[in-house]
Protein backbone atom coordinates (compact mmCIF):
# COMPACT_ATOMS: atom_id res chain seq x y z
CA MET A 1 17.10 20.08 0.47
CA GLU A 2 16.57 21.00 -3.18
CA ILE A 3 13.02 21.12 -4.53
CA SER A 4 11.36 22.52 -7.66
CA ALA A 5 8.32 23.98 -5.87
CA ARG A 6 8.59 27.72 -5.29
CA ASN A 7 6.32 27.95 -2.25
CA THR A 8 8.07 26.30 0.68
CA PHE A 9 7.22 27.32 4.23
CA LYS A 10 9.16 26.12 7.26
CA GLY A 11 7.17 25.73 10.43
CA THR A 12 6.25 23.50 13.34
CA VAL A 13 3.77 20.64 13.26
CA LYS A 14 0.92 21.92 15.40
CA LYS A 15 -1.50 19.04 14.87
CA LEU A 16 -1.21 15.55 13.40
CA GLU A 17 -4.35 13.48 12.95
CA LEU A 18 -3.58 9.89 11.95
CA GLY A 19 -6.39 7.89 10.39
CA ALA A 20 -6.41 4.34 9.11
CA VAL A 21 -5.04 5.36 5.69
CA ASN A 22 -4.46 9.14 5.66
CA ALA A 23 -3.00 11.78 7.95
CA VAL A 24 -4.05 15.42 8.25
CA VAL A 25 -1.02 17.60 9.02
CA THR A 26 -1.27 21.18 10.30
CA ILE A 27 1.91 23.26 10.35
CA GLU A 28 2.16 26.68 11.97
CA VAL A 29 4.37 28.72 9.65
CA ALA A 30 4.09 32.00 11.61
CA PRO A 31 2.26 32.96 14.80
CA GLY A 32 -1.41 32.36 14.07
CA ILE A 33 -0.82 31.26 10.45
CA GLU A 34 -1.36 27.58 9.68
CA VAL A 35 -1.20 25.38 6.60
CA SER A 36 -3.02 22.04 6.56
CA GLY A 37 -2.95 19.15 4.14
CA SER A 38 -3.69 15.48 3.81
CA ILE A 39 -1.03 12.87 3.04
CA THR A 40 -0.91 9.11 3.44
CA LYS A 41 -0.39 7.73 6.92
CA GLU A 42 2.62 5.81 5.59
CA SER A 43 4.24 9.05 4.35
CA ALA A 44 3.65 10.79 7.68
CA GLU A 45 5.28 7.89 9.51
CA LYS A 46 8.18 7.72 7.02
CA LEU A 47 8.85 11.44 7.55
CA GLY A 48 8.67 10.99 11.31
CA LEU A 49 6.10 13.77 11.59
CA ALA A 50 5.02 14.54 15.14
CA GLU A 51 3.52 17.49 16.97
CA GLY A 52 6.24 19.98 17.86
CA LYS A 53 8.63 18.82 15.12
CA GLU A 54 9.91 21.26 12.49
CA ALA A 55 8.76 20.50 8.94
CA TYR A 56 8.06 22.23 5.64
CA ALA A 57 4.78 22.86 3.87
CA VAL A 58 5.50 22.64 0.15
CA ILE A 59 2.80 24.07 -2.10
CA LYS A 60 2.80 23.45 -5.84
CA ALA A 61 -0.28 24.37 -7.86
CA SER A 62 -3.27 23.18 -5.83
CA ASP A 63 -1.34 20.47 -3.94
CA VAL A 64 0.16 20.69 -0.47
CA MET A 65 3.09 18.41 0.35
CA PHE A 66 5.25 18.17 3.46
CA ALA A 67 9.03 17.66 3.77
CA VAL A 68 11.66 17.36 6.47
CA ASP A 69 15.46 17.65 6.41
């Protein structure tokens, strides 16, 4: 994966809250350290995000995005 954002943290999806339109994703990047963000439900489903799955928290400016290999 190549990405222009400098702050990329690999971790495990600890919590995934799916709403009607959006999803709140919480990734544990180190023991006791979590990063949370909101993305569309469609994006979460497209990425196949699920609790226990490895994923990346990608932080650029004030935005948090998520990515998978």
